[in-house]
């Protein structure tokens, strides 16, 4: 949506085909409602959406058709996540064979993904996704990396400074306490449990997000004796009120296509800690605007270093400078430039 609005602001006509759209967000954009026919089945809903949009786009006069979904009748497809086939690797032995060859759902998605990879042009949100596509589908041509952007006005150090005292008071954090924030709902994949052994005296962990059973995580927290230092706050309507209380943003993921919470934290002027194999790691200069974690054992040392307020301020300023290069305006400009490249090839 941010890219679409950015393109409209740059003088382009944009149509959006979707099941639903917020009227407040689509001013200046033509919205085409796609029927949602199969709410009970993700596979059938995907196939229905693909069929309906293909029909709606017949005899179109668009210069560029750009999809973010599992379609295959487009000029450009953005890949926001790792390939479906790579996800099957989480299974082993017979279970993997069963999922790959016996599951109707898997067979459908694998068939569709193969068609997707034949899209003339691909955008990946990170270099990690590009590498995945190369490994799984031997696709290395006509693919560019355009990372997601961030609202650098909404997420701004001034907002954090202004709200910091009230935000820390809400969570009853002491002035000298290091407040660590983790944002996300896929706790296992995003490595929440990797943080627990690194939480020592004088640290507080805020977990923003929901969607998984908390019981195994609370058991581990109890095993480490840090029950009073970890707070699950659930989903947040505005994550900034928790970022305002934080000293560092962490994302020790096992697998991460990008990691938008890290970019939002950087825009707020906060140092970050991310896994070296995450997509957003391409934005991190180790020990300058954040830390790159190659193994979970490094977490405690990184956090200990951030007890230094001067260190946090210096790294946070560098993080903000980096984030300013990834505003949504710049992301829209990158898309516009790529569209012109694709269009020039189409005309030829």
C-alpha atoms as a PDB file:
ATOM      1  CA  UNK A   1       0.000   0.000   0.000  1.00  0.00           C
ATOM      2  CA  UNK A   2       2.834   2.400   0.861  1.00  0.00           C
ATOM      3  CA  UNK A   3       4.461   1.767  -2.511  1.00  0.00           C
ATOM      4  CA  UNK A   4       1.140   2.213  -4.325  1.00  0.00           C
ATOM      5  CA  UNK A   5       0.545   5.534  -2.573  1.00  0.00           C
ATOM      6  CA  UNK A   6       4.103   6.609  -3.317  1.00  0.00           C
ATOM      7  CA  UNK A   7       3.610   5.886  -7.024  1.00  0.00           C
ATOM      8  CA  UNK A   8       0.376   7.904  -7.070  1.00  0.00           C
ATOM      9  CA  UNK A   9       2.230  10.804  -5.468  1.00  0.00           C
ATOM     10  CA  UNK A  10       4.763  10.553  -8.267  1.00  0.00           C
ATOM     11  CA  UNK A  11       2.036  11.001 -10.885  1.00  0.00           C
ATOM     12  CA  UNK A  12       1.190   7.421 -11.826  1.00  0.00           C
ATOM     13  CA  UNK A  13      -2.217   5.769 -12.115  1.00  0.00           C
ATOM     14  CA  UNK A  14      -2.501   2.743  -9.832  1.00  0.00           C
ATOM     15  CA  UNK A  15      -5.224   0.086  -9.638  1.00  0.00           C
ATOM     16  CA  UNK A  16      -5.363  -2.454  -6.820  1.00  0.00           C
ATOM     17  CA  UNK A  17      -7.062  -5.845  -7.041  1.00  0.00           C
ATOM     18  CA  UNK A  18      -7.735  -7.260  -3.593  1.00  0.00           C
ATOM     19  CA  UNK A  19     -10.324  -8.928  -1.372  1.00  0.00           C
ATOM     20  CA  UNK A  20     -10.509  -5.860   0.856  1.00  0.00           C
ATOM     21  CA  UNK A  21      -9.006  -2.390   1.193  1.00  0.00           C
ATOM     22  CA  UNK A  22      -9.246   0.333   3.811  1.00  0.00           C
ATOM     23  CA  UNK A  23     -10.964   3.313   2.193  1.00  0.00           C
ATOM     24  CA  UNK A  24      -8.797   5.729   4.191  1.00  0.00           C
ATOM     25  CA  UNK A  25      -5.650   4.267   2.641  1.00  0.00           C
ATOM     26  CA  UNK A  26      -6.613   4.154  -1.030  1.00  0.00           C
ATOM     27  CA  UNK A  27      -7.380   7.758  -1.877  1.00  0.00           C
ATOM     28  CA  UNK A  28      -6.247   8.361  -5.442  1.00  0.00           C
ATOM     29  CA  UNK A  29      -6.135   4.622  -6.132  1.00  0.00           C
ATOM     30  CA  UNK A  30      -8.728   2.655  -8.129  1.00  0.00           C
ATOM     31  CA  UNK A  31      -9.848  -0.366  -6.117  1.00  0.00           C
ATOM     32  CA  UNK A  32     -11.195  -3.558  -7.725  1.00  0.00           C
ATOM     33  CA  UNK A  33     -12.820  -5.903  -5.213  1.00  0.00           C
ATOM     34  CA  UNK A  34     -11.998  -9.554  -5.778  1.00  0.00           C
ATOM     35  CA  UNK A  35     -14.628 -11.966  -4.371  1.00  0.00           C
ATOM     36  CA  UNK A  36     -13.518 -14.099  -1.435  1.00  0.00           C
ATOM     37  CA  UNK A  37     -15.225 -17.375  -2.204  1.00  0.00           C
ATOM     38  CA  UNK A  38     -13.544 -19.989  -0.012  1.00  0.00           C
ATOM     39  CA  UNK A  39     -12.796 -18.631   3.444  1.00  0.00           C
ATOM     40  CA  UNK A  40     -12.599 -22.177   4.850  1.00  0.00           C
ATOM     41  CA  UNK A  41      -9.687 -23.257   2.632  1.00  0.00           C
ATOM     42  CA  UNK A  42      -6.435 -21.423   1.975  1.00  0.00           C
ATOM     43  CA  UNK A  43      -5.700 -23.513  -1.115  1.00  0.00           C
ATOM     44  CA  UNK A  44      -9.133 -23.015  -2.694  1.00  0.00           C
ATOM     45  CA  UNK A  45      -9.102 -19.322  -1.819  1.00  0.00           C
ATOM     46  CA  UNK A  46      -5.706 -18.945  -3.496  1.00  0.00           C
ATOM     47  CA  UNK A  47      -6.890 -20.704  -6.648  1.00  0.00           C
ATOM     48  CA  UNK A  48     -10.099 -18.675  -6.662  1.00  0.00           C
ATOM     49  CA  UNK A  49      -8.204 -15.399  -6.311  1.00  0.00           C
ATOM     50  CA  UNK A  50      -5.875 -16.424  -9.136  1.00  0.00           C
ATOM     51  CA  UNK A  51      -8.778 -17.349 -11.424  1.00  0.00           C
ATOM     52  CA  UNK A  52     -10.813 -14.224 -10.659  1.00  0.00           C
ATOM     53  CA  UNK A  53      -7.949 -11.761 -11.090  1.00  0.00           C
ATOM     54  CA  UNK A  54      -6.903 -13.439 -14.346  1.00  0.00           C
ATOM     55  CA  UNK A  55     -10.453 -13.004 -15.650  1.00  0.00           C
ATOM     56  CA  UNK A  56     -10.681  -9.397 -14.404  1.00  0.00           C
ATOM     57  CA  UNK A  57      -7.396  -8.521 -16.114  1.00  0.00           C
ATOM     58  CA  UNK A  58      -8.416  -9.810 -19.546  1.00  0.00           C
ATOM     59  CA  UNK A  59      -8.036  -7.199 -22.277  1.00  0.00           C
ATOM     60  CA  UNK A  60      -6.284  -4.909 -19.797  1.00  0.00           C
ATOM     61  CA  UNK A  61      -4.459  -1.765 -20.844  1.00  0.00           C
ATOM     62  CA  UNK A  62      -1.926  -1.709 -18.003  1.00  0.00           C
ATOM     63  CA  UNK A  63       1.720  -0.965 -18.634  1.00  0.00           C
ATOM     64  CA  UNK A  64       2.772  -3.121 -15.680  1.00  0.00           C
ATOM     65  CA  UNK A  65       0.987  -5.873 -13.779  1.00  0.00           C
ATOM     66  CA  UNK A  66       2.687  -6.436 -10.423  1.00  0.00           C
ATOM     67  CA  UNK A  67       1.569  -9.173  -8.031  1.00  0.00           C
ATOM     68  CA  UNK A  68       2.336  -9.796  -4.364  1.00  0.00           C
ATOM     69  CA  UNK A  69       0.273 -12.995  -4.284  1.00  0.00           C
ATOM     70  CA  UNK A  70       0.434 -16.528  -5.652  1.00  0.00           C
ATOM     71  CA  UNK A  71      -0.551 -15.506  -9.161  1.00  0.00           C
ATOM     72  CA  UNK A  72       1.297 -16.193 -12.373  1.00  0.00           C
ATOM     73  CA  UNK A  73      -0.325 -13.860 -14.931  1.00  0.00           C
ATOM     74  CA  UNK A  74       1.879 -10.866 -14.140  1.00  0.00           C
ATOM     75  CA  UNK A  75       4.928  -9.032 -15.394  1.00  0.00           C
ATOM     76  CA  UNK A  76       6.488  -8.703 -11.955  1.00  0.00           C
ATOM     77  CA  UNK A  77       6.132 -10.783  -8.803  1.00  0.00           C
ATOM     78  CA  UNK A  78       7.409  -9.746  -5.387  1.00  0.00           C
ATOM     79  CA  UNK A  79       8.691 -12.574  -3.206  1.00  0.00           C
ATOM     80  CA  UNK A  80       8.055 -11.694   0.440  1.00  0.00           C
ATOM     81  CA  UNK A  81       9.026 -15.044   1.921  1.00  0.00           C
ATOM     82  CA  UNK A  82      11.175 -18.097   1.338  1.00  0.00           C
ATOM     83  CA  UNK A  83       9.986 -20.626  -1.223  1.00  0.00           C
ATOM     84  CA  UNK A  84       7.356 -23.140  -0.211  1.00  0.00           C
ATOM     85  CA  UNK A  85       9.635 -26.001  -1.185  1.00  0.00           C
ATOM     86  CA  UNK A  86      12.328 -24.790   1.214  1.00  0.00           C
ATOM     87  CA  UNK A  87       9.748 -24.849   4.014  1.00  0.00           C
ATOM     88  CA  UNK A  88       9.310 -28.576   3.500  1.00  0.00           C
ATOM     89  CA  UNK A  89      12.854 -29.049   4.803  1.00  0.00           C
ATOM     90  CA  UNK A  90      11.578 -28.581   8.362  1.00  0.00           C
ATOM     91  CA  UNK A  91      10.208 -32.094   7.999  1.00  0.00           C
ATOM     92  CA  UNK A  92      12.465 -35.129   7.897  1.00  0.00           C
ATOM     93  CA  UNK A  93      12.408 -38.609   6.405  1.00  0.00           C
ATOM     94  CA  UNK A  94       9.014 -40.094   5.598  1.00  0.00           C
ATOM     95  CA  UNK A  95       7.212 -36.983   6.832  1.00  0.00           C
ATOM     96  CA  UNK A  96       9.023 -34.844   4.232  1.00  0.00           C
ATOM     97  CA  UNK A  97       8.211 -37.306   1.445  1.00  0.00           C
ATOM     98  CA  UNK A  98       4.588 -37.399   2.554  1.00  0.00           C
ATOM     99  CA  UNK A  99       4.291 -33.598   2.583  1.00  0.00           C
ATOM    100  CA  UNK A 100       6.031 -33.200  -0.754  1.00  0.00           C
ATOM    101  CA  UNK A 101       4.299 -35.942  -2.719  1.00  0.00           C
ATOM    102  CA  UNK A 102       1.113 -36.982  -0.870  1.00  0.00           C
ATOM    103  CA  UNK A 103      -0.348 -33.736   0.452  1.00  0.00           C
ATOM    104  CA  UNK A 104      -2.846 -32.193  -1.955  1.00  0.00           C
ATOM    105  CA  UNK A 105      -2.185 -28.790  -0.394  1.00  0.00           C
ATOM    106  CA  UNK A 106       1.580 -29.120  -0.886  1.00  0.00           C
ATOM    107  CA  UNK A 107       1.229 -30.415  -4.439  1.00  0.00           C
ATOM    108  CA  UNK A 108      -0.976 -27.425  -5.280  1.00  0.00           C
ATOM    109  CA  UNK A 109       1.417 -24.886  -3.825  1.00  0.00           C
ATOM    110  CA  UNK A 110       4.462 -26.531  -5.414  1.00  0.00           C
ATOM    111  CA  UNK A 111       2.730 -26.521  -8.810  1.00  0.00           C
ATOM    112  CA  UNK A 112       1.782 -22.887  -8.407  1.00  0.00           C
ATOM    113  CA  UNK A 113       5.211 -21.885  -7.131  1.00  0.00           C
ATOM    114  CA  UNK A 114       6.849 -23.422 -10.190  1.00  0.00           C
ATOM    115  CA  UNK A 115       4.575 -21.303 -12.381  1.00  0.00           C
ATOM    116  CA  UNK A 116       5.373 -18.238 -10.286  1.00  0.00           C
ATOM    117  CA  UNK A 117       9.069 -18.675 -10.867  1.00  0.00           C
ATOM    118  CA  UNK A 118       8.446 -18.363 -14.595  1.00  0.00           C
ATOM    119  CA  UNK A 119       7.276 -14.755 -14.066  1.00  0.00           C
ATOM    120  CA  UNK A 120       9.356 -12.562 -16.407  1.00  0.00           C
ATOM    121  CA  UNK A 121      10.672 -10.351 -13.581  1.00  0.00           C
ATOM    122  CA  UNK A 122      11.033 -10.964  -9.864  1.00  0.00           C
ATOM    123  CA  UNK A 123      11.532  -8.652  -6.903  1.00  0.00           C
ATOM    124  CA  UNK A 124      12.843 -10.195  -3.695  1.00  0.00           C
ATOM    125  CA  UNK A 125      12.701  -8.376  -0.388  1.00  0.00           C
ATOM    126  CA  UNK A 126      16.226  -9.467   0.529  1.00  0.00           C
ATOM    127  CA  UNK A 127      19.368 -11.129  -0.732  1.00  0.00           C
ATOM    128  CA  UNK A 128      18.477 -14.199   1.342  1.00  0.00           C
ATOM    129  CA  UNK A 129      15.323 -14.677  -0.735  1.00  0.00           C
ATOM    130  CA  UNK A 130      17.313 -14.234  -3.944  1.00  0.00           C
ATOM    131  CA  UNK A 131      19.729 -16.970  -2.837  1.00  0.00           C
ATOM    132  CA  UNK A 132      16.818 -19.246  -1.968  1.00  0.00           C
ATOM    133  CA  UNK A 133      15.311 -18.816  -5.438  1.00  0.00           C
ATOM    134  CA  UNK A 134      18.676 -19.559  -7.013  1.00  0.00           C
ATOM    135  CA  UNK A 135      19.094 -22.746  -4.970  1.00  0.00           C
ATOM    136  CA  UNK A 136      15.572 -24.072  -5.363  1.00  0.00           C
ATOM    137  CA  UNK A 137      14.697 -23.010  -8.905  1.00  0.00           C
ATOM    138  CA  UNK A 138      18.022 -22.116 -10.488  1.00  0.00           C
ATOM    139  CA  UNK A 139      16.549 -18.663 -11.168  1.00  0.00           C
ATOM    140  CA  UNK A 140      19.216 -15.964 -11.241  1.00  0.00           C
ATOM    141  CA  UNK A 141      18.161 -13.712 -14.139  1.00  0.00           C
ATOM    142  CA  UNK A 142      15.761 -10.747 -14.088  1.00  0.00           C
ATOM    143  CA  UNK A 143      15.550 -10.623 -10.304  1.00  0.00           C
ATOM    144  CA  UNK A 144      16.298  -7.558  -8.181  1.00  0.00           C
ATOM    145  CA  UNK A 145      16.308  -6.866  -4.447  1.00  0.00           C
ATOM    146  CA  UNK A 146      14.064  -4.065  -3.181  1.00  0.00           C
ATOM    147  CA  UNK A 147      13.742  -4.182   0.614  1.00  0.00           C
ATOM    148  CA  UNK A 148      10.603  -2.994   2.393  1.00  0.00           C
ATOM    149  CA  UNK A 149      10.585   0.585   3.625  1.00  0.00           C
ATOM    150  CA  UNK A 150       9.747   2.351   6.859  1.00  0.00           C
ATOM    151  CA  UNK A 151       7.800   5.485   7.708  1.00  0.00           C
ATOM    152  CA  UNK A 152      10.690   7.615   8.938  1.00  0.00           C
ATOM    153  CA  UNK A 153       8.337  10.250  10.357  1.00  0.00           C
ATOM    154  CA  UNK A 154       6.099   7.833  12.227  1.00  0.00           C
ATOM    155  CA  UNK A 155       9.124   5.941  13.530  1.00  0.00           C
ATOM    156  CA  UNK A 156      11.398   8.756  14.652  1.00  0.00           C
ATOM    157  CA  UNK A 157      13.832   9.278  17.553  1.00  0.00           C
ATOM    158  CA  UNK A 158      11.923  12.407  18.630  1.00  0.00           C
ATOM    159  CA  UNK A 159       8.795  10.306  19.207  1.00  0.00           C
ATOM    160  CA  UNK A 160      10.785   7.864  21.325  1.00  0.00           C
ATOM    161  CA  UNK A 161      12.435  10.567  23.420  1.00  0.00           C
ATOM    162  CA  UNK A 162       9.121  12.308  24.037  1.00  0.00           C
ATOM    163  CA  UNK A 163       7.324   9.133  25.166  1.00  0.00           C
ATOM    164  CA  UNK A 164      10.232   7.362  26.895  1.00  0.00           C
ATOM    165  CA  UNK A 165       9.560   8.328  30.518  1.00  0.00           C
ATOM    166  CA  UNK A 166       5.856   7.443  30.349  1.00  0.00           C
ATOM    167  CA  UNK A 167       6.548   4.212  28.432  1.00  0.00           C
ATOM    168  CA  UNK A 168       9.125   2.984  30.951  1.00  0.00           C
ATOM    169  CA  UNK A 169       6.888   3.970  33.817  1.00  0.00           C
ATOM    170  CA  UNK A 170       4.074   1.801  32.377  1.00  0.00           C
ATOM    171  CA  UNK A 171       6.284  -1.291  32.485  1.00  0.00           C
ATOM    172  CA  UNK A 172       7.894  -0.201  35.778  1.00  0.00           C
ATOM    173  CA  UNK A 173      11.409  -0.260  34.346  1.00  0.00           C
ATOM    174  CA  UNK A 174      14.180   1.276  36.449  1.00  0.00           C
ATOM    175  CA  UNK A 175      16.360   3.992  34.925  1.00  0.00           C
ATOM    176  CA  UNK A 176      19.423   1.745  34.858  1.00  0.00           C
ATOM    177  CA  UNK A 177      17.543  -1.311  33.546  1.00  0.00           C
ATOM    178  CA  UNK A 178      18.322  -2.487  29.993  1.00  0.00           C
ATOM    179  CA  UNK A 179      14.986  -2.983  28.233  1.00  0.00           C
ATOM    180  CA  UNK A 180      15.111  -5.396  25.303  1.00  0.00           C
ATOM    181  CA  UNK A 181      12.209  -5.644  22.856  1.00  0.00           C
ATOM    182  CA  UNK A 182      11.273  -8.580  20.629  1.00  0.00           C
ATOM    183  CA  UNK A 183       8.504  -8.000  18.065  1.00  0.00           C
ATOM    184  CA  UNK A 184       6.873 -10.844  16.187  1.00  0.00           C
ATOM    185  CA  UNK A 185       4.335 -13.640  16.374  1.00  0.00           C
ATOM    186  CA  UNK A 186       6.207 -16.640  14.974  1.00  0.00           C
ATOM    187  CA  UNK A 187       8.133 -17.093  18.218  1.00  0.00           C
ATOM    188  CA  UNK A 188       9.969 -20.294  17.299  1.00  0.00           C
ATOM    189  CA  UNK A 189      11.095 -19.195  13.856  1.00  0.00           C
ATOM    190  CA  UNK A 190      12.047 -15.750  15.120  1.00  0.00           C
ATOM    191  CA  UNK A 191      14.124 -17.284  17.913  1.00  0.00           C
ATOM    192  CA  UNK A 192      12.423 -15.915  21.031  1.00  0.00           C
ATOM    193  CA  UNK A 193      13.715 -18.820  23.130  1.00  0.00           C
ATOM    194  CA  UNK A 194      17.286 -17.931  22.135  1.00  0.00           C
ATOM    195  CA  UNK A 195      16.995 -14.754  24.181  1.00  0.00           C
ATOM    196  CA  UNK A 196      16.157 -16.375  27.525  1.00  0.00           C
ATOM    197  CA  UNK A 197      19.670 -17.619  28.441  1.00  0.00           C
ATOM    198  CA  UNK A 198      21.043 -14.144  27.641  1.00  0.00           C
ATOM    199  CA  UNK A 199      18.769 -12.290  30.071  1.00  0.00           C
ATOM    200  CA  UNK A 200      20.801 -11.420  33.171  1.00  0.00           C
ATOM    201  CA  UNK A 201      20.383  -9.119  36.170  1.00  0.00           C
ATOM    202  CA  UNK A 202      19.415  -5.599  35.228  1.00  0.00           C
ATOM    203  CA  UNK A 203      17.673  -6.644  31.996  1.00  0.00           C
ATOM    204  CA  UNK A 204      13.994  -6.649  31.035  1.00  0.00           C
ATOM    205  CA  UNK A 205      12.548  -8.404  27.953  1.00  0.00           C
ATOM    206  CA  UNK A 206       9.345  -7.153  26.299  1.00  0.00           C
ATOM    207  CA  UNK A 207       7.693  -9.627  23.918  1.00  0.00           C
ATOM    208  CA  UNK A 208       5.277  -7.882  21.549  1.00  0.00           C
ATOM    209  CA  UNK A 209       3.130 -10.211  19.453  1.00  0.00           C
ATOM    210  CA  UNK A 210       0.953 -13.293  19.766  1.00  0.00           C
ATOM    211  CA  UNK A 211      -0.086 -16.363  17.857  1.00  0.00           C
ATOM    212  CA  UNK A 212       1.720 -19.250  19.543  1.00  0.00           C
ATOM    213  CA  UNK A 213       1.118 -21.283  22.667  1.00  0.00           C
ATOM    214  CA  UNK A 214       2.918 -19.444  25.467  1.00  0.00           C
ATOM    215  CA  UNK A 215       3.144 -22.379  27.864  1.00  0.00           C
ATOM    216  CA  UNK A 216       6.439 -23.873  26.600  1.00  0.00           C
ATOM    217  CA  UNK A 217       8.030 -20.422  26.596  1.00  0.00           C
ATOM    218  CA  UNK A 218       6.841 -19.679  30.115  1.00  0.00           C
ATOM    219  CA  UNK A 219       8.236 -23.039  31.255  1.00  0.00           C
ATOM    220  CA  UNK A 220      11.636 -22.119  29.839  1.00  0.00           C
ATOM    221  CA  UNK A 221      11.469 -18.691  31.448  1.00  0.00           C
ATOM    222  CA  UNK A 222      10.829 -20.378  34.782  1.00  0.00           C
ATOM    223  CA  UNK A 223      13.755 -22.746  34.233  1.00  0.00           C
ATOM    224  CA  UNK A 224      16.058 -19.761  33.753  1.00  0.00           C
ATOM    225  CA  UNK A 225      14.570 -17.987  36.772  1.00  0.00           C
ATOM    226  CA  UNK A 226      13.680 -14.845  34.839  1.00  0.00           C
ATOM    227  CA  UNK A 227       9.899 -14.780  35.336  1.00  0.00           C
ATOM    228  CA  UNK A 228       9.991 -11.231  36.684  1.00  0.00           C
ATOM    229  CA  UNK A 229      12.173 -10.020  33.821  1.00  0.00           C
ATOM    230  CA  UNK A 230      10.055 -11.175  30.861  1.00  0.00           C
ATOM    231  CA  UNK A 231       6.744  -9.554  29.955  1.00  0.00           C
ATOM    232  CA  UNK A 232       4.389 -10.798  27.219  1.00  0.00           C
ATOM    233  CA  UNK A 233       2.334  -7.812  26.104  1.00  0.00           C
ATOM    234  CA  UNK A 234       0.472  -9.464  23.205  1.00  0.00           C
ATOM    235  CA  UNK A 235      -0.481  -7.674  20.025  1.00  0.00           C
ATOM    236  CA  UNK A 236      -0.027  -3.910  19.966  1.00  0.00           C
ATOM    237  CA  UNK A 237      -2.118  -1.374  18.072  1.00  0.00           C
ATOM    238  CA  UNK A 238       0.932   0.917  18.102  1.00  0.00           C
ATOM    239  CA  UNK A 239       4.312  -0.732  18.643  1.00  0.00           C
ATOM    240  CA  UNK A 240       5.943   2.657  19.223  1.00  0.00           C
ATOM    241  CA  UNK A 241       4.673   2.827  22.801  1.00  0.00           C
ATOM    242  CA  UNK A 242       6.851  -0.207  23.519  1.00  0.00           C
ATOM    243  CA  UNK A 243       9.751   0.905  21.336  1.00  0.00           C
ATOM    244  CA  UNK A 244       9.750   4.097  23.417  1.00  0.00           C
ATOM    245  CA  UNK A 245      10.575   2.022  26.506  1.00  0.00           C
ATOM    246  CA  UNK A 246      13.273  -0.024  24.778  1.00  0.00           C
ATOM    247  CA  UNK A 247      17.048   0.268  24.666  1.00  0.00           C
ATOM    248  CA  UNK A 248      17.628  -2.371  21.992  1.00  0.00           C
ATOM    249  CA  UNK A 249      15.548  -4.249  19.407  1.00  0.00           C
ATOM    250  CA  UNK A 250      16.335  -7.931  18.910  1.00  0.00           C
ATOM    251  CA  UNK A 251      15.456 -10.542  16.286  1.00  0.00           C
ATOM    252  CA  UNK A 252      17.571 -13.698  16.768  1.00  0.00           C
ATOM    253  CA  UNK A 253      15.672 -15.574  14.059  1.00  0.00           C
ATOM    254  CA  UNK A 254      16.386 -19.070  12.857  1.00  0.00           C
ATOM    255  CA  UNK A 255      14.970 -18.012   9.479  1.00  0.00           C
ATOM    256  CA  UNK A 256      13.912 -14.514   8.388  1.00  0.00           C
ATOM    257  CA  UNK A 257      13.046 -13.240   4.914  1.00  0.00           C
ATOM    258  CA  UNK A 258      13.558  -9.652   6.062  1.00  0.00           C
ATOM    259  CA  UNK A 259      12.583  -8.407   9.549  1.00  0.00           C
ATOM    260  CA  UNK A 260      10.593  -5.157   9.407  1.00  0.00           C
ATOM    261  CA  UNK A 261      10.624  -4.713  13.202  1.00  0.00           C
ATOM    262  CA  UNK A 262      14.383  -4.191  13.024  1.00  0.00           C
ATOM    263  CA  UNK A 263      14.069  -1.435  10.421  1.00  0.00           C
ATOM    264  CA  UNK A 264      11.366   0.259  12.512  1.00  0.00           C
ATOM    265  CA  UNK A 265      13.605   0.113  15.564  1.00  0.00           C
ATOM    266  CA  UNK A 266      16.525   1.562  13.611  1.00  0.00           C
ATOM    267  CA  UNK A 267      14.322   4.411  12.392  1.00  0.00           C
ATOM    268  CA  UNK A 268      13.573   5.153  16.053  1.00  0.00           C
ATOM    269  CA  UNK A 269      17.292   5.491  16.729  1.00  0.00           C
ATOM    270  CA  UNK A 270      17.702   2.205  18.591  1.00  0.00           C
ATOM    271  CA  UNK A 271      20.611  -0.247  18.245  1.00  0.00           C
ATOM    272  CA  UNK A 272      19.606  -3.705  17.020  1.00  0.00           C
ATOM    273  CA  UNK A 273      20.703  -7.322  17.254  1.00  0.00           C
ATOM    274  CA  UNK A 274      19.815  -9.650  14.374  1.00  0.00           C
ATOM    275  CA  UNK A 275      20.794 -13.063  13.079  1.00  0.00           C
ATOM    276  CA  UNK A 276      23.476 -12.872  10.426  1.00  0.00           C
ATOM    277  CA  UNK A 277      21.371 -15.033   8.073  1.00  0.00           C
ATOM    278  CA  UNK A 278      18.280 -12.791   8.224  1.00  0.00           C
ATOM    279  CA  UNK A 279      17.311 -10.651   5.252  1.00  0.00           C
ATOM    280  CA  UNK A 280      17.592  -7.391   7.178  1.00  0.00           C
ATOM    281  CA  UNK A 281      21.191  -8.235   8.116  1.00  0.00           C
ATOM    282  CA  UNK A 282      22.263  -6.604   4.835  1.00  0.00           C
ATOM    283  CA  UNK A 283      21.467  -3.250   6.490  1.00  0.00           C
ATOM    284  CA  UNK A 284      23.575  -3.936   9.579  1.00  0.00           C
ATOM    285  CA  UNK A 285      27.192  -2.875   9.987  1.00  0.00           C
ATOM    286  CA  UNK A 286      28.442  -4.964  12.875  1.00  0.00           C
ATOM    287  CA  UNK A 287      29.221  -2.934  16.001  1.00  0.00           C
ATOM    288  CA  UNK A 288      28.336   0.289  14.160  1.00  0.00           C
ATOM    289  CA  UNK A 289      24.527   0.407  13.921  1.00  0.00           C
ATOM    290  CA  UNK A 290      23.877  -2.969  15.509  1.00  0.00           C
ATOM    291  CA  UNK A 291      25.192  -6.466  16.074  1.00  0.00           C
ATOM    292  CA  UNK A 292      25.127  -9.458  13.725  1.00  0.00           C
ATOM    293  CA  UNK A 293      24.586 -12.691  15.631  1.00  0.00           C
ATOM    294  CA  UNK A 294      26.249 -15.736  14.083  1.00  0.00           C
ATOM    295  CA  UNK A 295      25.285 -18.028  16.964  1.00  0.00           C
ATOM    296  CA  UNK A 296      22.949 -17.582  19.968  1.00  0.00           C
ATOM    297  CA  UNK A 297      25.835 -17.751  22.457  1.00  0.00           C
ATOM    298  CA  UNK A 298      26.886 -14.279  21.296  1.00  0.00           C
ATOM    299  CA  UNK A 299      23.661 -12.655  22.507  1.00  0.00           C
ATOM    300  CA  UNK A 300      24.653 -12.207  26.156  1.00  0.00           C
ATOM    301  CA  UNK A 301      27.900 -10.454  25.226  1.00  0.00           C
ATOM    302  CA  UNK A 302      26.140  -8.065  22.836  1.00  0.00           C
ATOM    303  CA  UNK A 303      23.531  -7.191  25.449  1.00  0.00           C
ATOM    304  CA  UNK A 304      26.174  -6.606  28.115  1.00  0.00           C
ATOM    305  CA  UNK A 305      27.896  -4.092  25.831  1.00  0.00           C
ATOM    306  CA  UNK A 306      24.641  -2.152  25.516  1.00  0.00           C
ATOM    307  CA  UNK A 307      24.504  -1.365  29.211  1.00  0.00           C
ATOM    308  CA  UNK A 308      26.709   1.545  28.142  1.00  0.00           C
ATOM    309  CA  UNK A 309      24.398   4.489  27.431  1.00  0.00           C
ATOM    310  CA  UNK A 310      27.011   6.246  25.270  1.00  0.00           C
ATOM    311  CA  UNK A 311      27.400   3.066  23.201  1.00  0.00           C
ATOM    312  CA  UNK A 312      23.643   2.839  22.701  1.00  0.00           C
ATOM    313  CA  UNK A 313      23.384   6.478  21.659  1.00  0.00           C
ATOM    314  CA  UNK A 314      26.217   6.213  19.141  1.00  0.00           C
ATOM    315  CA  UNK A 315      24.890   3.004  17.601  1.00  0.00           C
ATOM    316  CA  UNK A 316      21.330   4.346  17.631  1.00  0.00           C
ATOM    317  CA  UNK A 317      22.346   7.464  15.703  1.00  0.00           C
ATOM    318  CA  UNK A 318      24.047   5.293  13.107  1.00  0.00           C
ATOM    319  CA  UNK A 319      20.972   3.060  12.929  1.00  0.00           C
ATOM    320  CA  UNK A 320      18.754   6.075  12.265  1.00  0.00           C
ATOM    321  CA  UNK A 321      21.074   7.272   9.489  1.00  0.00           C
ATOM    322  CA  UNK A 322      20.797   3.856   7.856  1.00  0.00           C
ATOM    323  CA  UNK A 323      16.998   3.776   8.144  1.00  0.00           C
ATOM    324  CA  UNK A 324      16.677   7.143   6.409  1.00  0.00           C
ATOM    325  CA  UNK A 325      17.965   5.447   3.250  1.00  0.00           C
ATOM    326  CA  UNK A 326      15.034   3.024   3.393  1.00  0.00           C
ATOM    327  CA  UNK A 327      12.038   5.330   3.653  1.00  0.00           C
ATOM    328  CA  UNK A 328       8.869   4.315   1.807  1.00  0.00           C
ATOM    329  CA  UNK A 329       9.494   7.211  -0.563  1.00  0.00           C
ATOM    330  CA  UNK A 330      12.819   5.692  -1.576  1.00  0.00           C
ATOM    331  CA  UNK A 331      11.190   2.270  -1.881  1.00  0.00           C
ATOM    332  CA  UNK A 332       8.564   3.733  -4.234  1.00  0.00           C
ATOM    333  CA  UNK A 333      11.316   5.396  -6.258  1.00  0.00           C
ATOM    334  CA  UNK A 334      13.129   2.061  -6.552  1.00  0.00           C
ATOM    335  CA  UNK A 335       9.933   0.421  -7.831  1.00  0.00           C
ATOM    336  CA  UNK A 336       9.355   3.218 -10.335  1.00  0.00           C
ATOM    337  CA  UNK A 337      12.901   2.837 -11.658  1.00  0.00           C
ATOM    338  CA  UNK A 338      12.443  -0.922 -11.988  1.00  0.00           C
ATOM    339  CA  UNK A 339       9.066  -0.517 -13.710  1.00  0.00           C
ATOM    340  CA  UNK A 340      10.672   1.738 -16.314  1.00  0.00           C
ATOM    341  CA  UNK A 341      13.363  -0.872 -16.904  1.00  0.00           C
ATOM    342  CA  UNK A 342      10.772  -3.628 -17.345  1.00  0.00           C
ATOM    343  CA  UNK A 343       8.584  -1.445 -19.576  1.00  0.00           C
ATOM    344  CA  UNK A 344      11.512  -0.571 -21.840  1.00  0.00           C
ATOM    345  CA  UNK A 345      12.146  -4.277 -22.366  1.00  0.00           C
ATOM    346  CA  UNK A 346       8.449  -4.940 -23.071  1.00  0.00           C
ATOM    347  CA  UNK A 347       8.346  -2.222 -25.721  1.00  0.00           C
ATOM    348  CA  UNK A 348      11.440  -3.571 -27.441  1.00  0.00           C
END
